[in-house]
Amino acid sequence: MKLSIVTVVLNNKVFLESCIGSVLEQDCPNVEYIIIDGGSTDGTLQVIKKYEKRISRWISEKDRGIYDAMNKGIRLATGDVIGILNSDDFYVSKDVLSTVKNEFESRNVDSVFADMVYVKRHEPEKIVRYYRSSGFTLEKFTYGCMPAHPTFFVKRDVYERFGLFKTDYHIASDYELMLRFLLCNRISYNYLPKVLIKMRAGGVSTRSLKSNWILNNEILRACSENGIKTNIFKVYSKYLTKCFQLIDRPNKI
């Protein structure tokens, strides 16, 4: 089984190197690594070129946003399973991809997801929030909840059957895609009870009140477009869960 990992980046030379390093140090054989750069001007390309002999493929060109960039990477991928690792994020250990590969081979499922932790942007050893995917059920989509998308690995043929990310969403296209895959088309999945990824706090969907307003409106839109009944009160109630995640977090993993 071949795994494809896609990283999208725009002007993030500061954190890209730790992201790339966490992929290249994986002990899993047969991993394809693709980087999609959106036309960076800050030195990001120099970081990519430093490792280009070990990167399967990379391109640098303007795109129509993060989801357009993700779609470019997915279209280039040739692996049986695709995972997306954003340039702010990194795998917590060398065995992440071999563990994921094992899960697919032993469970015979379409997708796998796991747990993730948010960490301080410049102090990644300090955990801010623990994102547990263990309590996920399909019904939770109606509350605006989903498994941690950065830990979502899915077979390439699922994208071929059910489509890519919708590029007219600003923040919640990952929610819409997982809703479409898991709830609407009922692809099979398995939860892996392990933290796979550290995400640096301060990304697009965690930045401000305005971002959260856009996010929740796009969640409501995604449900409507996919014929899923929900309402604004259910969607906003998910913040109670987030409060518990802030409280219930380990000091280290």
Protein backbone atom coordinates (compact mmCIF):
# COMPACT_ATOMS: atom_id res chain seq x y z
CA MET A 1 0.00 0.00 0.00
CA LYS A 2 1.30 3.41 -1.01
CA LEU A 3 0.56 6.57 1.00
CA SER A 4 0.52 10.08 -0.46
CA ILE A 5 0.99 13.07 1.85
CA VAL A 6 0.08 16.54 0.58
CA THR A 7 1.35 19.75 2.20
CA VAL A 8 0.03 23.13 1.07
CA VAL A 9 1.93 26.27 1.97
CA LEU A 10 2.05 30.01 1.36
CA ASN A 11 4.74 32.21 2.92
CA ASN A 12 5.47 29.98 5.91
CA LYS A 13 9.24 29.50 5.90
CA VAL A 14 9.32 29.62 9.71
CA PHE A 15 7.34 26.42 10.31
CA LEU A 16 7.52 24.55 6.99
CA GLU A 17 10.85 22.90 7.81
CA SER A 18 9.49 21.13 10.90
CA CYS A 19 6.51 19.96 8.85
CA ILE A 20 8.72 18.57 6.08
CA GLY A 21 11.07 16.99 8.59
CA SER A 22 8.25 15.15 10.32
CA VAL A 23 7.25 13.56 7.00
CA LEU A 24 10.75 12.68 5.83
CA GLU A 25 11.66 10.99 9.12
CA GLN A 26 8.71 8.57 8.97
CA ASP A 27 9.67 4.89 9.19
CA CYS A 28 6.96 3.90 6.70
CA PRO A 29 8.20 2.76 3.27
CA ASN A 30 6.58 3.79 0.00
CA VAL A 31 5.44 7.30 0.95
CA GLU A 32 4.88 9.89 -1.76
CA TYR A 33 5.33 13.48 -0.56
CA ILE A 34 3.81 16.36 -2.53
CA ILE A 35 4.14 20.06 -1.68
CA ILE A 36 1.88 22.68 -3.23
CA ASP A 37 3.14 26.24 -2.79
CA GLY A 38 0.88 29.17 -3.60
CA GLY A 39 3.60 31.46 -4.93
CA SER A 40 5.52 32.26 -1.76
CA THR A 41 7.88 35.25 -1.63
CA ASP A 42 9.30 34.95 1.90
CA GLY A 43 11.95 32.27 1.50
CA THR A 44 9.59 29.29 1.60
CA LEU A 45 10.90 28.09 -1.78
CA GLN A 46 14.44 27.95 -0.40
CA VAL A 47 13.21 25.62 2.34
CA ILE A 48 11.50 23.39 -0.23
CA LYS A 49 14.58 23.32 -2.47
CA LYS A 50 16.72 22.31 0.50
CA TYR A 51 14.78 19.03 0.64
CA GLU A 52 13.65 18.68 -2.99
CA LYS A 53 15.67 15.50 -3.63
CA ARG A 54 13.50 13.76 -1.02
CA ILE A 55 10.22 15.37 -2.07
CA SER A 56 8.34 13.36 -4.70
CA ARG A 57 6.89 16.41 -6.42
CA TRP A 58 6.38 20.09 -5.73
CA ILE A 59 4.93 23.03 -7.59
CA SER A 60 4.83 26.76 -6.90
CA GLU A 61 2.13 28.82 -8.56
CA LYS A 62 -0.72 31.11 -7.59
CA ASP A 63 -3.94 29.38 -6.59
CA ARG A 64 -7.47 30.31 -5.57
CA GLY A 65 -6.96 29.56 -1.89
CA ILE A 66 -6.05 26.71 0.43
CA TYR A 67 -8.73 24.29 -0.81
CA ASP A 68 -7.76 24.83 -4.45
CA ALA A 69 -4.17 24.02 -3.42
CA MET A 70 -5.31 20.87 -1.61
CA ASN A 71 -7.21 19.78 -4.72
CA LYS A 72 -4.09 20.25 -6.84
CA GLY A 73 -2.18 17.97 -4.51
CA ILE A 74 -4.90 15.32 -4.47
CA ARG A 75 -5.01 15.30 -8.28
CA LEU A 76 -1.24 14.75 -8.40
CA ALA A 77 -1.28 11.98 -5.80
CA THR A 78 -0.75 8.40 -6.96
CA GLY A 79 -0.98 6.64 -3.59
CA ASP A 80 -3.75 4.33 -2.46
CA VAL A 81 -4.37 6.52 0.60
CA ILE A 82 -4.08 10.32 0.85
CA GLY A 83 -3.37 12.42 3.93
CA ILE A 84 -3.07 16.21 4.14
CA LEU A 85 -0.53 17.84 6.44
CA ASN A 86 -0.66 21.63 6.56
CA SER A 87 2.58 23.57 6.81
CA ASP A 88 1.89 24.65 10.42
CA ASP A 89 1.41 21.04 11.53
CA PHE A 90 3.72 18.10 12.11
CA TYR A 91 3.54 14.41 12.98
CA VAL A 92 4.21 13.62 16.64
CA SER A 93 6.41 10.56 16.04
CA LYS A 94 8.23 8.57 13.37
CA ASP A 95 5.65 5.77 13.31
CA VAL A 96 2.54 7.82 12.47
CA LEU A 97 2.29 6.76 8.83
CA SER A 98 3.21 3.12 9.46
CA THR A 99 0.48 3.03 12.12
CA VAL A 100 -2.03 4.51 9.68
CA LYS A 101 -0.97 2.08 6.95
CA ASN A 102 -1.39 -0.83 9.37
CA GLU A 103 -4.88 0.36 10.22
CA PHE A 104 -5.97 0.42 6.58
CA GLU A 105 -4.48 -2.99 5.85
CA SER A 106 -5.93 -4.69 8.94
CA ARG A 107 -9.36 -3.01 9.01
CA ASN A 108 -10.12 -2.79 5.28
CA VAL A 109 -11.83 0.61 5.60
CA ASP A 110 -12.15 3.67 3.35
CA SER A 111 -10.85 6.13 5.92
CA VAL A 112 -9.07 6.50 9.24
CA PHE A 113 -8.99 9.39 11.71
CA ALA A 114 -7.40 9.93 15.12
CA ASP A 115 -6.68 12.54 17.80
CA MET A 116 -4.77 15.79 17.53
CA VAL A 117 -3.44 18.44 19.89
CA TYR A 118 -3.22 22.20 19.43
CA VAL A 119 0.08 23.60 20.66
CA LYS A 120 1.45 27.08 21.26
CA ARG A 121 2.62 28.53 17.98
CA HIS A 122 6.23 29.12 19.02
CA GLU A 123 6.35 26.60 21.87
CA PRO A 124 5.10 23.34 20.34
CA GLU A 125 5.90 21.37 23.47
CA LYS A 126 3.09 23.25 25.29
CA ILE A 127 -0.38 21.82 24.63
CA VAL A 128 -3.29 24.27 24.39
CA ARG A 129 -6.17 21.95 23.51
CA TYR A 130 -6.74 18.22 23.04
CA TYR A 131 -8.95 17.43 20.03
CA ARG A 132 -10.38 13.99 20.71
CA SER A 133 -12.11 12.22 17.83
CA SER A 134 -13.11 9.29 20.05
CA GLY A 135 -16.65 10.51 20.71
CA PHE A 136 -17.46 11.07 17.06
CA THR A 137 -20.76 9.79 15.67
CA LEU A 138 -22.36 10.66 12.35
CA GLU A 139 -25.09 12.60 14.17
CA LYS A 140 -22.48 15.03 15.49
CA PHE A 141 -22.16 16.56 12.04
CA THR A 142 -25.52 18.25 12.74
CA TYR A 143 -23.84 20.04 15.67
CA GLY A 144 -21.03 21.28 13.45
CA CYS A 145 -18.62 18.70 14.87
CA MET A 146 -16.31 16.41 12.95
CA PRO A 147 -13.24 14.26 13.50
CA ALA A 148 -9.94 16.16 13.46
CA HIS A 149 -9.48 16.77 9.72
CA PRO A 150 -5.66 16.87 9.79
CA THR A 151 -5.76 13.25 11.05
CA PHE A 152 -8.16 12.18 8.26
CA PHE A 153 -6.61 9.70 5.85
CA VAL A 154 -8.83 8.50 3.02
CA LYS A 155 -8.48 6.21 0.03
CA ARG A 156 -7.83 8.03 -3.24
CA ASP A 157 -10.77 6.33 -4.95
CA VAL A 158 -13.14 8.01 -2.46
CA TYR A 159 -12.09 11.40 -3.86
CA GLU A 160 -12.56 10.02 -7.36
CA ARG A 161 -16.08 8.83 -6.55
CA PHE A 162 -17.38 11.67 -4.40
CA GLY A 163 -15.37 14.74 -5.36
CA LEU A 164 -12.77 17.10 -3.97
CA PHE A 165 -12.87 20.16 -1.71
CA LYS A 166 -15.33 22.88 -2.68
CA THR A 167 -13.28 25.97 -3.44
CA ASP A 168 -16.08 28.48 -2.82
CA TYR A 169 -15.82 27.86 0.94
CA HIS A 170 -13.36 30.02 2.90
CA ILE A 171 -12.89 27.96 6.08
CA ALA A 172 -15.27 24.99 6.32
CA SER A 173 -14.64 23.07 3.10
CA ASP A 174 -12.96 20.35 5.17
CA TYR A 175 -16.17 20.03 7.22
CA GLU A 176 -18.27 19.90 4.03
CA LEU A 177 -16.04 17.24 2.49
CA MET A 178 -16.10 15.01 5.58
CA LEU A 179 -19.87 15.49 5.87
CA ARG A 180 -20.26 14.47 2.23
CA PHE A 181 -17.94 11.47 2.54
CA LEU A 182 -18.89 10.08 5.96
CA LEU A 183 -22.54 11.03 6.47
CA CYS A 184 -24.00 11.44 2.99
CA ASN A 185 -22.10 8.66 1.20
CA ARG A 186 -21.42 6.49 4.25
CA ILE A 187 -17.84 5.59 3.49
CA SER A 188 -16.42 3.20 6.07
CA TYR A 189 -14.09 4.53 8.76
CA ASN A 190 -12.15 3.56 11.85
CA TYR A 191 -11.02 5.66 14.78
CA LEU A 192 -7.39 5.25 15.82
CA PRO A 193 -7.04 6.06 19.55
CA LYS A 194 -3.77 7.93 19.26
CA VAL A 195 -2.53 11.50 18.86
CA LEU A 196 -1.03 11.74 15.38
CA ILE A 197 -0.54 15.45 14.81
CA LYS A 198 0.44 18.63 16.59
CA MET A 199 -1.24 21.72 15.14
CA ARG A 200 0.10 25.17 15.90
CA ALA A 201 -2.70 27.39 17.21
CA GLY A 202 -3.52 30.47 15.15
CA GLY A 203 -4.52 28.93 11.80
CA VAL A 204 -7.29 30.15 9.50
CA SER A 205 -10.15 28.49 11.41
CA THR A 206 -8.87 29.35 14.92
CA ARG A 207 -7.94 32.98 14.48
CA SER A 208 -10.78 35.38 15.44
CA LEU A 209 -14.45 35.95 16.20
CA LYS A 210 -14.97 36.89 12.55
CA SER A 211 -13.40 33.60 11.43
CA ASN A 212 -15.70 31.67 13.75
CA TRP A 213 -18.72 33.54 12.41
CA ILE A 214 -17.73 32.64 8.83
CA LEU A 215 -17.01 29.05 9.90
CA ASN A 216 -20.43 28.51 11.47
CA ASN A 217 -22.27 30.07 8.55
CA GLU A 218 -20.41 27.78 6.18
CA ILE A 219 -21.27 24.78 8.38
CA LEU A 220 -24.96 25.68 8.12
CA ARG A 221 -24.57 26.10 4.38
CA ALA A 222 -22.80 22.74 4.02
CA CYS A 223 -25.63 20.97 5.84
CA SER A 224 -28.22 22.71 3.69
CA GLU A 225 -26.45 21.88 0.42
CA ASN A 226 -26.17 18.22 1.43
CA GLY A 227 -29.76 17.89 2.65
CA ILE A 228 -28.85 17.59 6.34
CA LYS A 229 -31.23 19.17 8.86
CA THR A 230 -29.71 21.29 11.62
CA ASN A 231 -30.05 24.78 13.07
CA ILE A 232 -27.93 27.61 14.39
CA PHE A 233 -28.52 26.66 18.04
CA LYS A 234 -27.22 23.11 17.53
CA VAL A 235 -24.17 24.36 15.66
CA TYR A 236 -23.20 26.91 18.30
CA SER A 237 -23.65 24.37 21.10
CA LYS A 238 -20.42 22.69 19.97
CA TYR A 239 -18.48 25.35 21.84
CA LEU A 240 -19.37 23.60 25.09
CA THR A 241 -17.39 20.61 23.84
CA LYS A 242 -14.47 22.87 22.94
CA CYS A 243 -14.45 24.27 26.47
CA PHE A 244 -14.04 20.74 27.85
CA GLN A 245 -11.20 20.12 25.38
CA LEU A 246 -9.39 23.16 26.76
CA ILE A 247 -9.77 21.85 30.32
CA ASP A 248 -9.17 18.17 29.58
CA ARG A 249 -5.72 18.31 28.05
CA PRO A 250 -2.53 16.48 28.97
CA ASN A 251 0.64 18.35 29.81
CA LYS A 252 2.47 16.23 27.28
CA ILE A 253 1.91 13.27 24.96
